[in-house]
Amino acid sequence: MPYRHLSLCEREIIATRHAQGHSLSQIARLLKRHASTISREIRRHRQPHGYAPQVAEHQQIAKILRLKTFFADPYSPWQRGTNEQINGLIRRYFPKGTDFSKVSNQRLDEGVLKINQRSRKCLGCRTPYDVFADALRVALAT
């Protein structure tokens, strides 16, 4: 039987069933795959917090979008500067421990608007909205 790549749907099933404690052979039977295929998939795409199917195709996505990808080491916030900066901005509007199920969509939209209208040094002192609008104009022009 020729090898065929796992689909994203199959990877999501693996993630869900693996998190629920199903054995590799149970998952393999469900997907009609060899247990070694499931084992290899989990081993290749294991993250600090468990199996992460969304990173399985990062190389293809990076190639298509012509992007360089980088995965920070666990417990290394200095490697995720922009991410940590955004987390700080979010905390200004939604303190740590906020129950987002109790936050209205209007309040969320207001927070997002304020955050995205702030200029950023990493964007050449432009706002994310400006950068997105320029990219959209270029995309629509082609």
Protein backbone atom coordinates (compact mmCIF):
# COMPACT_ATOMS: atom_id res chain seq x y z
CA MET A 1 0.00 0.00 0.00
CA PRO A 2 1.60 3.33 -1.01
CA TYR A 3 2.18 5.94 1.67
CA ARG A 4 -0.18 8.89 1.76
CA HIS A 5 0.22 11.92 3.97
CA LEU A 6 -2.04 12.44 6.93
CA SER A 7 -4.71 15.05 6.32
CA LEU A 8 -5.28 17.90 8.74
CA CYS A 9 -8.56 16.23 9.71
CA GLU A 10 -6.71 13.01 10.57
CA ARG A 11 -4.16 14.99 12.57
CA GLU A 12 -6.96 16.67 14.54
CA ILE A 13 -8.48 13.26 15.29
CA ILE A 14 -5.09 12.02 16.47
CA ALA A 15 -4.71 15.08 18.72
CA THR A 16 -8.18 14.72 20.21
CA ARG A 17 -8.02 10.97 20.77
CA HIS A 18 -4.43 11.12 22.08
CA ALA A 19 -5.44 13.83 24.59
CA GLN A 20 -8.38 11.65 25.67
CA GLY A 21 -5.96 8.83 26.46
CA HIS A 22 -6.76 6.49 23.57
CA SER A 23 -3.98 4.07 22.68
CA LEU A 24 -2.00 4.38 19.46
CA SER A 25 -3.49 1.12 18.18
CA GLN A 26 -7.06 2.36 18.86
CA ILE A 27 -6.36 5.58 16.93
CA ALA A 28 -4.70 3.62 14.12
CA ARG A 29 -7.70 1.29 13.79
CA LEU A 30 -10.08 4.26 13.69
CA LEU A 31 -8.08 5.94 10.90
CA LYS A 32 -7.24 2.66 9.12
CA ARG A 33 -3.52 3.39 9.50
CA HIS A 34 -0.57 1.55 11.01
CA ALA A 35 0.15 2.26 14.67
CA SER A 36 3.71 3.16 13.65
CA THR A 37 2.31 5.98 11.48
CA ILE A 38 0.41 7.40 14.45
CA SER A 39 3.42 7.01 16.74
CA ARG A 40 5.72 8.72 14.23
CA GLU A 41 3.23 11.59 13.75
CA ILE A 42 2.99 12.25 17.47
CA ARG A 43 6.76 12.01 17.95
CA ARG A 44 7.54 14.38 15.04
CA HIS A 45 5.05 17.06 16.06
CA ARG A 46 5.27 16.95 19.84
CA GLN A 47 5.36 20.35 21.53
CA PRO A 48 6.06 21.19 25.18
CA HIS A 49 2.32 20.98 25.91
CA GLY A 50 1.64 17.84 23.87
CA TYR A 51 0.95 16.90 20.26
CA ALA A 52 0.29 19.92 18.01
CA PRO A 53 -1.14 19.01 14.59
CA GLN A 54 -1.17 22.64 13.46
CA VAL A 55 2.64 22.70 13.19
CA ALA A 56 2.74 19.57 11.03
CA GLU A 57 2.48 21.50 7.77
CA HIS A 58 4.39 24.63 8.77
CA GLN A 59 7.14 24.00 6.20
CA GLN A 60 4.63 23.86 3.33
CA ILE A 61 2.86 26.99 4.55
CA ALA A 62 6.17 28.83 4.97
CA LYS A 63 7.23 27.86 1.44
CA ILE A 64 3.93 28.96 -0.12
CA LEU A 65 3.93 32.30 1.74
CA ARG A 66 7.71 32.72 1.41
CA LEU A 67 8.11 33.10 5.17
CA LYS A 68 10.79 32.05 7.59
CA THR A 69 9.44 30.10 10.55
CA PHE A 70 10.82 29.97 14.05
CA PHE A 71 9.70 28.03 17.10
CA ALA A 72 10.81 29.50 20.40
CA ASP A 73 12.23 27.23 23.05
CA PRO A 74 9.93 26.41 25.97
CA TYR A 75 10.11 28.84 28.90
CA SER A 76 12.06 31.40 26.84
CA PRO A 77 9.92 34.56 26.68
CA TRP A 78 12.88 36.63 25.41
CA GLN A 79 12.60 34.66 22.14
CA ARG A 80 8.99 35.82 21.72
CA GLY A 81 9.34 39.57 22.09
CA THR A 82 6.43 40.67 19.91
CA ASN A 83 4.16 38.03 21.42
CA GLU A 84 5.01 39.14 24.96
CA GLN A 85 4.47 42.79 23.96
CA ILE A 86 0.99 42.03 22.62
CA ASN A 87 0.15 40.02 25.75
CA GLY A 88 1.03 43.11 27.79
CA LEU A 89 -1.25 45.28 25.65
CA ILE A 90 -4.11 42.79 26.02
CA ARG A 91 -3.64 42.81 29.80
CA ARG A 92 -4.22 46.60 29.83
CA TYR A 93 -7.78 46.04 28.66
CA PHE A 94 -8.40 42.56 30.03
CA PRO A 95 -6.54 41.81 33.28
CA LYS A 96 -5.10 38.36 33.90
CA GLY A 97 -7.83 35.98 35.00
CA THR A 98 -10.56 37.70 32.96
CA ASP A 99 -13.41 35.31 32.20
CA PHE A 100 -13.89 36.00 28.48
CA SER A 101 -17.21 34.16 28.45
CA LYS A 102 -18.54 37.11 30.48
CA VAL A 103 -16.99 39.83 28.29
CA SER A 104 -19.37 41.32 25.71
CA ASN A 105 -18.46 41.30 22.01
CA GLN A 106 -18.64 45.10 22.06
CA ARG A 107 -16.05 45.31 24.85
CA LEU A 108 -13.81 42.84 22.99
CA ASP A 109 -14.13 44.84 19.77
CA GLU A 110 -13.22 48.05 21.62
CA GLY A 111 -10.11 46.45 23.10
CA VAL A 112 -9.03 45.01 19.75
CA LEU A 113 -9.59 48.38 18.04
CA LYS A 114 -7.48 50.22 20.63
CA ILE A 115 -4.68 47.67 20.41
CA ASN A 116 -4.63 47.66 16.59
CA GLN A 117 -4.67 51.46 16.37
CA ARG A 118 -1.44 51.77 18.39
CA SER A 119 1.69 52.40 16.35
CA ARG A 120 4.40 49.77 16.70
CA LYS A 121 8.14 50.17 16.48
CA CYS A 122 8.40 46.74 14.79
CA LEU A 123 6.10 48.05 12.02
CA GLY A 124 8.13 51.22 11.42
CA CYS A 125 5.89 53.26 13.75
CA ARG A 126 2.81 52.29 11.74
CA THR A 127 -0.36 50.72 13.10
CA PRO A 128 -1.37 47.14 12.32
CA TYR A 129 -4.43 48.52 10.54
CA ASP A 130 -2.23 50.62 8.23
CA VAL A 131 0.03 47.68 7.42
CA PHE A 132 -2.96 45.41 6.75
CA ALA A 133 -4.68 48.02 4.56
CA ASP A 134 -1.52 48.46 2.47
CA ALA A 135 -1.11 44.70 2.05
CA LEU A 136 -4.76 44.39 1.08
CA ARG A 137 -4.44 47.14 -1.53
CA VAL A 138 -1.40 45.39 -3.05
CA ALA A 139 -3.17 42.02 -3.05
CA LEU A 140 -6.28 43.44 -4.72
CA ALA A 141 -4.22 45.28 -7.32
CA THR A 142 -2.61 42.04 -8.55
